[in-house]
Amino acid sequence: MKPFAYLRAGSVAEAVREAAAEPGARFLGGGTNLVDLMKLGVETPGLLIDISRLPLDRVTDTADGGLRIGATVRNSDLAAHHAVRTRYPALSQALLAGASGQLRNTATTGGNLLQRTRCPYFQDTSKPCNKREPGSGCPAREGAHRDLAVLGHSAECVATHPSDMAVALAALDATVLLHGPDGERAVPATGFHRLPGDSPAADTVIRPGELITGVVLPPLPDGTVSLYRKARDRASFAFALASVAAVLHVRDGRIAHAALAFGGLAHRPWRAGAAEEILRGAPATDETYAAAVDAELAAARPLRDNAFKIVLARRLAVDALAELAARP
C-alpha cells in the first residue's frame, strides 16, 4: 500500500480546508469501500481525513416535517430509526438489503453515496478501465458485463452504481448537503450521481474539497406508501442485478403521486421520469403499471449478456407498484 498521511478533523471547516489544500486527499468515514480500494491499489490518497468524530451522526426532524440525516450516521442505525421505518420504509428496506450486518454497523450515509462501482475491470489494476485510467478503454463492453449497465451507458463505460440506499433516496426526492471551500450548497439526489458520457472517471457532481454533511428527506403527503425491492444472485451480501424503489399515493382509484427509481441498471440510480409521467393521474391498475414501466425500459440498450436485467427490472417494478396500490 502506498504511504499516506492521516488527519483526524476537529471540525467540518478544518476537514474542508485540508482537503482543498491536498488534491489527493480523501475523507474517511467508515472506510468500508475506500479502504478496500486502497488495498487493491485503485485509490491512492496522499492524505486521509478522518471525519468519523465530527458531529454529523444525528437524525433530526426538519421544520416542515421532513428528516435530516447526518453524513456519519451508520447504515444500521439509520435503517432501525423509528422515523425512517415508519415514514420512509423504502429507505430502511434499501439499507437492510445492502452488504452485511457487520458492514452496515460501520458504513455511513455519506460513504454509501460515494461508494464506487464494483465493475471487475475497475477493481483490477492490471486491466484497462476508463473510469480508473481515462482513455485506456472499456474491456467490459466485450468482456464480462452480465452485472453491468443497460441504461445510460456510453462507449466509454458500462459500469453500474452499487448503492441500494441511493436508489431509495432518488425516489424519495432527497437532497444531498455539501460543504466546500466556497460554502454550502444542496444538490438533489437525482442529480448527484453522473452518467458516464465521455468522462466516466467522475462519479458525482461533487467539487474538489467538498464534504457531504447530510441528506434531507422532504415530508411525504398523508397516504403515501413506499417500498424497495432487490433481485440478486444470493440472499445477502450481494449487489443488485436490478432493484426498484417505489413511492405511491393512490386517491379514489387514481394515482395522485408516483416516484420510481431503478438500481443495478445504470451508472447512477435511475429515476424513471417517463414511467412517472404515465402513472400520474392514471387508473391504479396492472395495465397502467406495465405500460409505464415498459415506456421507461424502452430506452434500455443491453449488451451481449445482460438483457435479462430488463425483464427482471420490469417484474420488480410492476409487482412493487401493484403491492403498494393494494395497501389500505
C-alpha atoms as a PDB file:
ATOM      1  CA  MET A   1       0.000   0.000   0.000  1.00  0.00           C
ATOM      2  CA  LYS A   2       1.215   3.477  -0.834  1.00  0.00           C
ATOM      3  CA  PRO A   3       2.184   5.523   2.296  1.00  0.00           C
ATOM      4  CA  PHE A   4      -0.285   8.251   3.206  1.00  0.00           C
ATOM      5  CA  ALA A   5      -0.759  10.932   5.838  1.00  0.00           C
ATOM      6  CA  TYR A   6      -3.615  10.803   8.346  1.00  0.00           C
ATOM      7  CA  LEU A   7      -5.544  13.639   9.963  1.00  0.00           C
ATOM      8  CA  ARG A   8      -8.459  13.451  12.374  1.00  0.00           C
ATOM      9  CA  ALA A   9     -10.535  16.536  11.605  1.00  0.00           C
ATOM     10  CA  GLY A  10     -11.814  18.550  14.542  1.00  0.00           C
ATOM     11  CA  SER A  11     -14.452  20.398  12.557  1.00  0.00           C
ATOM     12  CA  VAL A  12     -16.149  20.455   9.174  1.00  0.00           C
ATOM     13  CA  ALA A  13     -14.259  23.655   8.356  1.00  0.00           C
ATOM     14  CA  GLU A  14     -10.915  22.013   9.092  1.00  0.00           C
ATOM     15  CA  ALA A  15     -11.791  18.917   7.055  1.00  0.00           C
ATOM     16  CA  VAL A  16     -12.756  21.014   4.040  1.00  0.00           C
ATOM     17  CA  ARG A  17      -9.745  23.300   4.364  1.00  0.00           C
ATOM     18  CA  GLU A  18      -7.289  20.406   4.470  1.00  0.00           C
ATOM     19  CA  ALA A  19      -8.993  18.588   1.600  1.00  0.00           C
ATOM     20  CA  ALA A  20      -8.880  21.696  -0.571  1.00  0.00           C
ATOM     21  CA  ALA A  21      -5.162  22.091   0.140  1.00  0.00           C
ATOM     22  CA  GLU A  22      -4.346  18.483  -0.827  1.00  0.00           C
ATOM     23  CA  PRO A  23      -5.869  17.359  -4.172  1.00  0.00           C
ATOM     24  CA  GLY A  24      -5.079  13.726  -3.362  1.00  0.00           C
ATOM     25  CA  ALA A  25      -6.979  13.773  -0.055  1.00  0.00           C
ATOM     26  CA  ARG A  26      -9.921  11.508   0.736  1.00  0.00           C
ATOM     27  CA  PHE A  27     -12.444  11.717   3.563  1.00  0.00           C
ATOM     28  CA  LEU A  28     -12.620   8.655   5.799  1.00  0.00           C
ATOM     29  CA  GLY A  29     -15.897   7.741   7.496  1.00  0.00           C
ATOM     30  CA  GLY A  30     -16.494   4.029   7.884  1.00  0.00           C
ATOM     31  CA  GLY A  31     -13.945   3.142   5.221  1.00  0.00           C
ATOM     32  CA  THR A  32     -15.851   0.057   4.059  1.00  0.00           C
ATOM     33  CA  ASN A  33     -15.269   0.875   0.376  1.00  0.00           C
ATOM     34  CA  LEU A  34     -12.346   3.302   0.431  1.00  0.00           C
ATOM     35  CA  VAL A  35     -10.009   1.034   2.404  1.00  0.00           C
ATOM     36  CA  ASP A  36     -10.778  -1.918   0.118  1.00  0.00           C
ATOM     37  CA  LEU A  37      -9.911   0.208  -2.919  1.00  0.00           C
ATOM     38  CA  MET A  38      -6.684   1.321  -1.255  1.00  0.00           C
ATOM     39  CA  LYS A  39      -5.736  -2.315  -0.701  1.00  0.00           C
ATOM     40  CA  LEU A  40      -6.372  -3.009  -4.375  1.00  0.00           C
ATOM     41  CA  GLY A  41      -4.321  -0.002  -5.452  1.00  0.00           C
ATOM     42  CA  VAL A  42      -7.307   1.660  -7.111  1.00  0.00           C
ATOM     43  CA  GLU A  43      -7.353   4.539  -4.627  1.00  0.00           C
ATOM     44  CA  THR A  44      -4.004   6.009  -3.610  1.00  0.00           C
ATOM     45  CA  PRO A  45      -4.738   9.068  -1.462  1.00  0.00           C
ATOM     46  CA  GLY A  46      -1.881  11.115  -0.155  1.00  0.00           C
ATOM     47  CA  LEU A  47      -3.963  12.185   2.847  1.00  0.00           C
ATOM     48  CA  LEU A  48      -6.826  10.545   4.718  1.00  0.00           C
ATOM     49  CA  ILE A  49      -9.007  12.993   6.619  1.00  0.00           C
ATOM     50  CA  ASP A  50     -10.932  11.160   9.320  1.00  0.00           C
ATOM     51  CA  ILE A  51     -14.377  12.727   9.751  1.00  0.00           C
ATOM     52  CA  SER A  52     -15.857   9.954  11.892  1.00  0.00           C
ATOM     53  CA  ARG A  53     -15.724  12.064  15.083  1.00  0.00           C
ATOM     54  CA  LEU A  54     -17.462  15.113  13.619  1.00  0.00           C
ATOM     55  CA  PRO A  55     -20.957  15.928  14.947  1.00  0.00           C
ATOM     56  CA  LEU A  56     -22.690  14.630  11.818  1.00  0.00           C
ATOM     57  CA  ASP A  57     -24.147  11.474  13.333  1.00  0.00           C
ATOM     58  CA  ARG A  58     -27.710  12.572  14.140  1.00  0.00           C
ATOM     59  CA  VAL A  59     -31.117  12.045  12.554  1.00  0.00           C
ATOM     60  CA  THR A  60     -33.379  15.018  13.270  1.00  0.00           C
ATOM     61  CA  ASP A  61     -36.792  16.272  12.204  1.00  0.00           C
ATOM     62  CA  THR A  62     -36.933  19.310   9.943  1.00  0.00           C
ATOM     63  CA  ALA A  63     -39.316  22.204  10.493  1.00  0.00           C
ATOM     64  CA  ASP A  64     -41.530  21.173   7.571  1.00  0.00           C
ATOM     65  CA  GLY A  65     -41.959  17.585   8.774  1.00  0.00           C
ATOM     66  CA  GLY A  66     -39.111  16.006   6.833  1.00  0.00           C
ATOM     67  CA  LEU A  67     -35.934  14.395   8.124  1.00  0.00           C
ATOM     68  CA  ARG A  68     -32.285  15.439   8.168  1.00  0.00           C
ATOM     69  CA  ILE A  69     -29.720  12.642   8.218  1.00  0.00           C
ATOM     70  CA  GLY A  70     -26.126  13.390   9.165  1.00  0.00           C
ATOM     71  CA  ALA A  71     -23.364  12.159   6.878  1.00  0.00           C
ATOM     72  CA  THR A  72     -21.778   9.899   9.506  1.00  0.00           C
ATOM     73  CA  VAL A  73     -24.982   8.172  10.626  1.00  0.00           C
ATOM     74  CA  ARG A  74     -24.300   4.450  10.391  1.00  0.00           C
ATOM     75  CA  ASN A  75     -26.377   2.457   7.935  1.00  0.00           C
ATOM     76  CA  SER A  76     -27.627   0.080  10.620  1.00  0.00           C
ATOM     77  CA  ASP A  77     -28.708   2.951  12.881  1.00  0.00           C
ATOM     78  CA  LEU A  78     -30.495   4.687  10.020  1.00  0.00           C
ATOM     79  CA  ALA A  79     -32.323   1.533   8.951  1.00  0.00           C
ATOM     80  CA  ALA A  80     -33.546   0.983  12.519  1.00  0.00           C
ATOM     81  CA  HIS A  81     -34.545   4.591  13.191  1.00  0.00           C
ATOM     82  CA  HIS A  82     -38.251   4.821  14.033  1.00  0.00           C
ATOM     83  CA  ALA A  83     -38.938   7.810  11.788  1.00  0.00           C
ATOM     84  CA  VAL A  84     -37.258   6.126   8.837  1.00  0.00           C
ATOM     85  CA  ARG A  85     -39.061   2.812   9.316  1.00  0.00           C
ATOM     86  CA  THR A  86     -42.472   4.424   9.691  1.00  0.00           C
ATOM     87  CA  ARG A  87     -42.291   7.410   7.322  1.00  0.00           C
ATOM     88  CA  TYR A  88     -39.744   6.271   4.715  1.00  0.00           C
ATOM     89  CA  PRO A  89     -39.819   2.454   4.736  1.00  0.00           C
ATOM     90  CA  ALA A  90     -38.249   2.228   1.269  1.00  0.00           C
ATOM     91  CA  LEU A  91     -35.080   3.736   2.720  1.00  0.00           C
ATOM     92  CA  SER A  92     -34.974   1.334   5.657  1.00  0.00           C
ATOM     93  CA  GLN A  93     -35.560  -1.638   3.350  1.00  0.00           C
ATOM     94  CA  ALA A  94     -32.857  -0.465   0.938  1.00  0.00           C
ATOM     95  CA  LEU A  95     -30.308  -0.150   3.726  1.00  0.00           C
ATOM     96  CA  LEU A  96     -31.117  -3.597   5.091  1.00  0.00           C
ATOM     97  CA  ALA A  97     -30.756  -5.062   1.588  1.00  0.00           C
ATOM     98  CA  GLY A  98     -27.171  -3.819   1.357  1.00  0.00           C
ATOM     99  CA  ALA A  99     -23.950  -5.503   2.420  1.00  0.00           C
ATOM    100  CA  SER A 100     -23.924  -7.466   5.705  1.00  0.00           C
ATOM    101  CA  GLY A 101     -24.851  -6.632   9.281  1.00  0.00           C
ATOM    102  CA  GLN A 102     -21.217  -6.073  10.210  1.00  0.00           C
ATOM    103  CA  LEU A 103     -20.635  -3.687   7.317  1.00  0.00           C
ATOM    104  CA  ARG A 104     -23.878  -1.798   7.970  1.00  0.00           C
ATOM    105  CA  ASN A 105     -22.664  -1.211  11.520  1.00  0.00           C
ATOM    106  CA  THR A 106     -19.645   0.639  10.091  1.00  0.00           C
ATOM    107  CA  ALA A 107     -20.761   2.150   6.773  1.00  0.00           C
ATOM    108  CA  THR A 108     -22.004   5.742   6.787  1.00  0.00           C
ATOM    109  CA  THR A 109     -24.625   7.715   4.894  1.00  0.00           C
ATOM    110  CA  GLY A 110     -22.097   9.888   3.086  1.00  0.00           C
ATOM    111  CA  GLY A 111     -19.811   6.986   2.308  1.00  0.00           C
ATOM    112  CA  ASN A 112     -22.687   4.969   0.916  1.00  0.00           C
ATOM    113  CA  LEU A 113     -23.398   7.731  -1.596  1.00  0.00           C
ATOM    114  CA  LEU A 114     -19.733   7.917  -2.580  1.00  0.00           C
ATOM    115  CA  GLN A 115     -19.013   4.210  -2.953  1.00  0.00           C
ATOM    116  CA  ARG A 116     -17.569   3.258  -6.311  1.00  0.00           C
ATOM    117  CA  THR A 117     -18.569   0.679  -8.878  1.00  0.00           C
ATOM    118  CA  ARG A 118     -17.847  -2.995  -8.364  1.00  0.00           C
ATOM    119  CA  CYS A 119     -17.094  -3.493 -12.074  1.00  0.00           C
ATOM    120  CA  PRO A 120     -14.304  -6.124 -12.060  1.00  0.00           C
ATOM    121  CA  TYR A 121     -12.236  -4.178 -14.595  1.00  0.00           C
ATOM    122  CA  PHE A 122     -12.320  -1.062 -12.409  1.00  0.00           C
ATOM    123  CA  GLN A 123     -11.142  -3.044  -9.392  1.00  0.00           C
ATOM    124  CA  ASP A 124      -8.334  -4.853 -11.243  1.00  0.00           C
ATOM    125  CA  THR A 125      -5.405  -2.510 -11.806  1.00  0.00           C
ATOM    126  CA  SER A 126      -3.840  -4.924 -14.304  1.00  0.00           C
ATOM    127  CA  LYS A 127      -6.738  -4.243 -16.707  1.00  0.00           C
ATOM    128  CA  PRO A 128      -7.581  -1.081 -18.670  1.00  0.00           C
ATOM    129  CA  CYS A 129     -10.538   0.971 -17.401  1.00  0.00           C
ATOM    130  CA  ASN A 130     -11.660   4.422 -18.495  1.00  0.00           C
ATOM    131  CA  LYS A 131     -13.079   5.123 -15.049  1.00  0.00           C
ATOM    132  CA  ARG A 132      -9.758   4.397 -13.369  1.00  0.00           C
ATOM    133  CA  GLU A 133      -7.420   5.500 -16.186  1.00  0.00           C
ATOM    134  CA  PRO A 134      -9.198   7.808 -18.660  1.00  0.00           C
ATOM    135  CA  GLY A 135      -8.514   6.872 -22.262  1.00  0.00           C
ATOM    136  CA  SER A 136      -7.351   3.324 -21.529  1.00  0.00           C
ATOM    137  CA  GLY A 137     -10.539   1.661 -22.808  1.00  0.00           C
ATOM    138  CA  CYS A 138     -13.553  -0.260 -21.534  1.00  0.00           C
ATOM    139  CA  PRO A 139     -12.970  -4.009 -21.883  1.00  0.00           C
ATOM    140  CA  ALA A 140     -16.262  -4.720 -20.110  1.00  0.00           C
ATOM    141  CA  ARG A 141     -18.228  -3.906 -23.271  1.00  0.00           C
ATOM    142  CA  GLU A 142     -16.945  -7.056 -24.965  1.00  0.00           C
ATOM    143  CA  GLY A 143     -15.891  -8.881 -21.827  1.00  0.00           C
ATOM    144  CA  ALA A 144     -17.636  -9.760 -18.565  1.00  0.00           C
ATOM    145  CA  HIS A 145     -20.648  -7.450 -18.374  1.00  0.00           C
ATOM    146  CA  ARG A 146     -23.509  -9.610 -17.084  1.00  0.00           C
ATOM    147  CA  ASP A 147     -23.870  -7.413 -13.988  1.00  0.00           C
ATOM    148  CA  LEU A 148     -23.353  -4.078 -15.753  1.00  0.00           C
ATOM    149  CA  ALA A 149     -25.466  -1.291 -17.225  1.00  0.00           C
ATOM    150  CA  VAL A 150     -28.375  -1.470 -19.664  1.00  0.00           C
ATOM    151  CA  LEU A 151     -29.434   2.186 -19.293  1.00  0.00           C
ATOM    152  CA  GLY A 152     -27.471   5.401 -19.746  1.00  0.00           C
ATOM    153  CA  HIS A 153     -24.125   3.795 -20.548  1.00  0.00           C
ATOM    154  CA  SER A 154     -21.684   5.083 -23.143  1.00  0.00           C
ATOM    155  CA  ALA A 155     -18.883   3.800 -25.339  1.00  0.00           C
ATOM    156  CA  GLU A 156     -16.539   4.853 -22.525  1.00  0.00           C
ATOM    157  CA  CYS A 157     -18.130   2.993 -19.603  1.00  0.00           C
ATOM    158  CA  VAL A 158     -20.853   0.438 -18.800  1.00  0.00           C
ATOM    159  CA  ALA A 159     -20.356   0.361 -15.014  1.00  0.00           C
ATOM    160  CA  THR A 160     -23.261   0.406 -12.558  1.00  0.00           C
ATOM    161  CA  HIS A 161     -23.582   2.243  -9.271  1.00  0.00           C
ATOM    162  CA  PRO A 162     -23.688  -0.256  -6.382  1.00  0.00           C
ATOM    163  CA  SER A 163     -25.686   1.628  -3.741  1.00  0.00           C
ATOM    164  CA  ASP A 164     -29.114   0.446  -2.574  1.00  0.00           C
ATOM    165  CA  MET A 165     -29.594   3.453  -0.312  1.00  0.00           C
ATOM    166  CA  ALA A 166     -29.026   5.933  -3.140  1.00  0.00           C
ATOM    167  CA  VAL A 167     -31.854   4.377  -5.169  1.00  0.00           C
ATOM    168  CA  ALA A 168     -34.323   4.931  -2.339  1.00  0.00           C
ATOM    169  CA  LEU A 169     -33.084   8.495  -1.823  1.00  0.00           C
ATOM    170  CA  ALA A 170     -33.625   9.226  -5.527  1.00  0.00           C
ATOM    171  CA  ALA A 171     -37.229   8.000  -5.388  1.00  0.00           C
ATOM    172  CA  LEU A 172     -37.880   9.939  -2.172  1.00  0.00           C
ATOM    173  CA  ASP A 173     -36.680  13.250  -3.684  1.00  0.00           C
ATOM    174  CA  ALA A 174     -33.901  13.606  -1.132  1.00  0.00           C
ATOM    175  CA  THR A 175     -31.359  16.423  -1.186  1.00  0.00           C
ATOM    176  CA  VAL A 176     -27.625  15.981  -0.563  1.00  0.00           C
ATOM    177  CA  LEU A 177     -25.998  18.702   1.566  1.00  0.00           C
ATOM    178  CA  LEU A 178     -22.401  19.681   0.751  1.00  0.00           C
ATOM    179  CA  HIS A 179     -19.870  21.937   2.457  1.00  0.00           C
ATOM    180  CA  GLY A 180     -16.872  23.071   0.439  1.00  0.00           C
ATOM    181  CA  PRO A 181     -14.293  25.831   0.069  1.00  0.00           C
ATOM    182  CA  ASP A 182     -16.971  28.072  -1.466  1.00  0.00           C
ATOM    183  CA  GLY A 183     -19.519  27.424   1.278  1.00  0.00           C
ATOM    184  CA  GLU A 184     -22.589  25.237   1.480  1.00  0.00           C
ATOM    185  CA  ARG A 185     -24.859  24.015  -1.270  1.00  0.00           C
ATOM    186  CA  ALA A 186     -27.624  21.472  -1.763  1.00  0.00           C
ATOM    187  CA  VAL A 187     -27.918  19.060  -4.699  1.00  0.00           C
ATOM    188  CA  PRO A 188     -30.985  16.915  -5.494  1.00  0.00           C
ATOM    189  CA  ALA A 189     -30.191  13.231  -5.004  1.00  0.00           C
ATOM    190  CA  THR A 190     -31.429  12.616  -8.548  1.00  0.00           C
ATOM    191  CA  GLY A 191     -28.675  14.873  -9.880  1.00  0.00           C
ATOM    192  CA  PHE A 192     -25.851  13.979  -7.505  1.00  0.00           C
ATOM    193  CA  HIS A 193     -24.535  10.980  -9.458  1.00  0.00           C
ATOM    194  CA  ARG A 194     -23.470  11.331 -13.104  1.00  0.00           C
ATOM    195  CA  LEU A 195     -23.936   9.257 -16.228  1.00  0.00           C
ATOM    196  CA  PRO A 196     -20.566   8.303 -17.738  1.00  0.00           C
ATOM    197  CA  GLY A 197     -20.693  10.155 -21.073  1.00  0.00           C
ATOM    198  CA  ASP A 198     -17.155  10.701 -22.285  1.00  0.00           C
ATOM    199  CA  SER A 199     -15.733  11.320 -18.776  1.00  0.00           C
ATOM    200  CA  PRO A 200     -16.631   8.297 -16.620  1.00  0.00           C
ATOM    201  CA  ALA A 201     -13.907   8.964 -14.043  1.00  0.00           C
ATOM    202  CA  ALA A 202     -16.235  11.445 -12.288  1.00  0.00           C
ATOM    203  CA  ASP A 203     -18.946   9.530 -10.413  1.00  0.00           C
ATOM    204  CA  THR A 204     -20.713  12.556  -8.946  1.00  0.00           C
ATOM    205  CA  VAL A 205     -21.065  16.320  -9.279  1.00  0.00           C
ATOM    206  CA  ILE A 206     -19.158  16.849  -6.036  1.00  0.00           C
ATOM    207  CA  ARG A 207     -16.482  19.561  -6.340  1.00  0.00           C
ATOM    208  CA  PRO A 208     -12.869  19.374  -5.129  1.00  0.00           C
ATOM    209  CA  GLY A 209     -12.685  19.719  -1.369  1.00  0.00           C
ATOM    210  CA  GLU A 210     -16.431  19.320  -0.796  1.00  0.00           C
ATOM    211  CA  LEU A 211     -17.674  17.181   2.067  1.00  0.00           C
ATOM    212  CA  ILE A 212     -21.112  15.604   2.298  1.00  0.00           C
ATOM    213  CA  THR A 213     -22.560  16.815   5.605  1.00  0.00           C
ATOM    214  CA  GLY A 214     -26.037  15.332   5.383  1.00  0.00           C
ATOM    215  CA  VAL A 215     -29.105  14.298   3.450  1.00  0.00           C
ATOM    216  CA  VAL A 216     -32.569  15.843   3.755  1.00  0.00           C
ATOM    217  CA  LEU A 217     -35.781  13.925   3.088  1.00  0.00           C
ATOM    218  CA  PRO A 218     -38.873  16.020   2.328  1.00  0.00           C
ATOM    219  CA  PRO A 219     -42.172  15.247   4.061  1.00  0.00           C
ATOM    220  CA  LEU A 220     -44.495  12.864   2.223  1.00  0.00           C
ATOM    221  CA  PRO A 221     -48.248  13.545   1.901  1.00  0.00           C
ATOM    222  CA  ASP A 222     -50.549  11.504   4.110  1.00  0.00           C
ATOM    223  CA  GLY A 223     -51.450   8.253   2.411  1.00  0.00           C
ATOM    224  CA  THR A 224     -48.130   7.923   0.566  1.00  0.00           C
ATOM    225  CA  VAL A 225     -46.536   4.460   0.772  1.00  0.00           C
ATOM    226  CA  SER A 226     -43.128   3.223  -0.358  1.00  0.00           C
ATOM    227  CA  LEU A 227     -41.011   0.117  -0.672  1.00  0.00           C
ATOM    228  CA  TYR A 228     -37.705  -1.179  -2.011  1.00  0.00           C
ATOM    229  CA  ARG A 229     -37.204  -4.483  -3.821  1.00  0.00           C
ATOM    230  CA  LYS A 230     -33.925  -6.044  -4.928  1.00  0.00           C
ATOM    231  CA  ALA A 231     -33.003  -9.037  -7.086  1.00  0.00           C
ATOM    232  CA  ARG A 232     -29.533 -10.504  -6.614  1.00  0.00           C
ATOM    233  CA  ASP A 233     -27.612 -13.733  -7.096  1.00  0.00           C
ATOM    234  CA  ARG A 234     -27.769 -14.737  -3.430  1.00  0.00           C
ATOM    235  CA  ALA A 235     -29.934 -13.834  -0.466  1.00  0.00           C
ATOM    236  CA  SER A 236     -27.480 -11.473   1.247  1.00  0.00           C
ATOM    237  CA  PHE A 237     -24.174  -9.648   0.820  1.00  0.00           C
ATOM    238  CA  ALA A 238     -24.686  -9.279  -2.931  1.00  0.00           C
ATOM    239  CA  PHE A 239     -25.120  -6.253  -5.181  1.00  0.00           C
ATOM    240  CA  ALA A 240     -28.306  -5.745  -7.151  1.00  0.00           C
ATOM    241  CA  LEU A 241     -28.773  -7.244 -10.566  1.00  0.00           C
ATOM    242  CA  ALA A 242     -31.825  -4.988 -10.588  1.00  0.00           C
ATOM    243  CA  SER A 243     -33.680  -3.144  -7.864  1.00  0.00           C
ATOM    244  CA  VAL A 244     -36.526  -0.679  -7.560  1.00  0.00           C
ATOM    245  CA  ALA A 245     -37.644   1.955  -5.074  1.00  0.00           C
ATOM    246  CA  ALA A 246     -41.295   2.906  -5.492  1.00  0.00           C
ATOM    247  CA  VAL A 247     -43.312   5.691  -3.863  1.00  0.00           C
ATOM    248  CA  LEU A 248     -47.057   5.810  -4.491  1.00  0.00           C
ATOM    249  CA  HIS A 249     -50.152   7.727  -3.425  1.00  0.00           C
ATOM    250  CA  VAL A 250     -53.488   6.459  -4.733  1.00  0.00           C
ATOM    251  CA  ARG A 251     -56.642   8.512  -4.242  1.00  0.00           C
ATOM    252  CA  ASP A 252     -60.090   7.359  -5.396  1.00  0.00           C
ATOM    253  CA  GLY A 253     -58.622   4.695  -7.616  1.00  0.00           C
ATOM    254  CA  ARG A 254     -56.219   7.027  -9.413  1.00  0.00           C
ATOM    255  CA  ILE A 255     -52.526   7.684  -8.915  1.00  0.00           C
ATOM    256  CA  ALA A 256     -52.070  11.083  -7.274  1.00  0.00           C
ATOM    257  CA  HIS A 257     -48.298  10.746  -6.913  1.00  0.00           C
ATOM    258  CA  ALA A 258     -45.749   8.241  -8.144  1.00  0.00           C
ATOM    259  CA  ALA A 259     -41.956   8.102  -7.983  1.00  0.00           C
ATOM    260  CA  LEU A 260     -39.879   5.226  -9.285  1.00  0.00           C
ATOM    261  CA  ALA A 261     -36.128   4.656  -9.294  1.00  0.00           C
ATOM    262  CA  PHE A 262     -34.117   1.677 -10.503  1.00  0.00           C
ATOM    263  CA  GLY A 263     -30.825   0.351  -9.193  1.00  0.00           C
ATOM    264  CA  GLY A 264     -28.362  -2.035 -10.802  1.00  0.00           C
ATOM    265  CA  LEU A 265     -29.211  -0.807 -14.299  1.00  0.00           C
ATOM    266  CA  ALA A 266     -27.113   2.312 -14.787  1.00  0.00           C
ATOM    267  CA  HIS A 267     -24.094   4.361 -13.765  1.00  0.00           C
ATOM    268  CA  ARG A 268     -26.341   6.141 -11.264  1.00  0.00           C
ATOM    269  CA  PRO A 269     -29.698   5.456  -9.573  1.00  0.00           C
ATOM    270  CA  TRP A 270     -32.120   5.709 -12.487  1.00  0.00           C
ATOM    271  CA  ARG A 271     -35.130   7.930 -11.796  1.00  0.00           C
ATOM    272  CA  ALA A 272     -37.905   6.736 -14.083  1.00  0.00           C
ATOM    273  CA  GLY A 273     -39.294  10.013 -15.426  1.00  0.00           C
ATOM    274  CA  ALA A 274     -41.051   8.503 -18.446  1.00  0.00           C
ATOM    275  CA  ALA A 275     -42.833   5.953 -16.267  1.00  0.00           C
ATOM    276  CA  GLU A 276     -43.870   8.571 -13.702  1.00  0.00           C
ATOM    277  CA  GLU A 277     -45.416  10.766 -16.379  1.00  0.00           C
ATOM    278  CA  ILE A 278     -47.678   7.898 -17.448  1.00  0.00           C
ATOM    279  CA  LEU A 279     -48.519   6.904 -13.883  1.00  0.00           C
ATOM    280  CA  ARG A 280     -49.576  10.300 -12.551  1.00  0.00           C
ATOM    281  CA  GLY A 281     -53.332  10.745 -12.816  1.00  0.00           C
ATOM    282  CA  ALA A 282     -53.846   7.313 -14.390  1.00  0.00           C
ATOM    283  CA  PRO A 283     -56.013   4.487 -13.020  1.00  0.00           C
ATOM    284  CA  ALA A 284     -54.232   2.376 -10.430  1.00  0.00           C
ATOM    285  CA  THR A 285     -54.318  -0.850 -12.464  1.00  0.00           C
ATOM    286  CA  ASP A 286     -51.868  -3.546 -13.506  1.00  0.00           C
ATOM    287  CA  GLU A 287     -52.218  -2.360 -17.104  1.00  0.00           C
ATOM    288  CA  THR A 288     -51.135   1.149 -16.119  1.00  0.00           C
ATOM    289  CA  TYR A 289     -48.103  -0.115 -14.201  1.00  0.00           C
ATOM    290  CA  ALA A 290     -46.988  -2.348 -17.052  1.00  0.00           C
ATOM    291  CA  ALA A 291     -47.387   0.394 -19.669  1.00  0.00           C
ATOM    292  CA  ALA A 292     -45.451   2.884 -17.548  1.00  0.00           C
ATOM    293  CA  VAL A 293     -42.558   0.557 -16.805  1.00  0.00           C
ATOM    294  CA  ASP A 294     -42.369  -0.599 -20.425  1.00  0.00           C
ATOM    295  CA  ALA A 295     -42.159   3.021 -21.568  1.00  0.00           C
ATOM    296  CA  GLU A 296     -39.222   3.625 -19.235  1.00  0.00           C
ATOM    297  CA  LEU A 297     -37.319   0.463 -20.116  1.00  0.00           C
ATOM    298  CA  ALA A 298     -37.760   1.050 -23.846  1.00  0.00           C
ATOM    299  CA  ALA A 299     -34.626   3.192 -23.590  1.00  0.00           C
ATOM    300  CA  ALA A 300     -32.525   0.233 -22.429  1.00  0.00           C
ATOM    301  CA  ARG A 301     -29.559  -0.827 -24.570  1.00  0.00           C
ATOM    302  CA  PRO A 302     -28.475  -4.209 -23.267  1.00  0.00           C
ATOM    303  CA  LEU A 303     -25.126  -5.722 -24.131  1.00  0.00           C
ATOM    304  CA  ARG A 304     -24.497  -9.314 -25.179  1.00  0.00           C
ATOM    305  CA  ASP A 305     -25.128 -10.957 -21.796  1.00  0.00           C
ATOM    306  CA  ASN A 306     -27.349  -8.672 -19.710  1.00  0.00           C
ATOM    307  CA  ALA A 307     -30.692  -8.308 -21.495  1.00  0.00           C
ATOM    308  CA  PHE A 308     -32.228 -10.401 -18.703  1.00  0.00           C
ATOM    309  CA  LYS A 309     -31.927  -7.336 -16.467  1.00  0.00           C
ATOM    310  CA  ILE A 310     -34.701  -5.595 -18.399  1.00  0.00           C
ATOM    311  CA  VAL A 311     -37.158  -8.444 -17.762  1.00  0.00           C
ATOM    312  CA  LEU A 312     -36.071  -8.614 -14.130  1.00  0.00           C
ATOM    313  CA  ALA A 313     -36.468  -4.873 -13.561  1.00  0.00           C
ATOM    314  CA  ARG A 314     -39.869  -4.852 -15.252  1.00  0.00           C
ATOM    315  CA  ARG A 315     -41.216  -7.555 -12.985  1.00  0.00           C
ATOM    316  CA  LEU A 316     -39.801  -5.928  -9.858  1.00  0.00           C
ATOM    317  CA  ALA A 317     -41.323  -2.544 -10.702  1.00  0.00           C
ATOM    318  CA  VAL A 318     -44.768  -3.752 -11.801  1.00  0.00           C
ATOM    319  CA  ASP A 319     -45.074  -6.000  -8.748  1.00  0.00           C
ATOM    320  CA  ALA A 320     -43.905  -3.211  -6.410  1.00  0.00           C
ATOM    321  CA  LEU A 321     -46.468  -0.747  -7.748  1.00  0.00           C
ATOM    322  CA  ALA A 322     -49.264  -3.315  -7.544  1.00  0.00           C
ATOM    323  CA  GLU A 323     -48.319  -4.179  -3.961  1.00  0.00           C
ATOM    324  CA  LEU A 324     -48.309  -0.536  -2.897  1.00  0.00           C
ATOM    325  CA  ALA A 325     -51.622   0.216  -4.594  1.00  0.00           C
ATOM    326  CA  ALA A 326     -53.260  -2.712  -2.803  1.00  0.00           C
ATOM    327  CA  ARG A 327     -52.370  -1.395   0.645  1.00  0.00           C
ATOM    328  CA  PRO A 328     -55.225   0.148   2.625  1.00  0.00           C
END
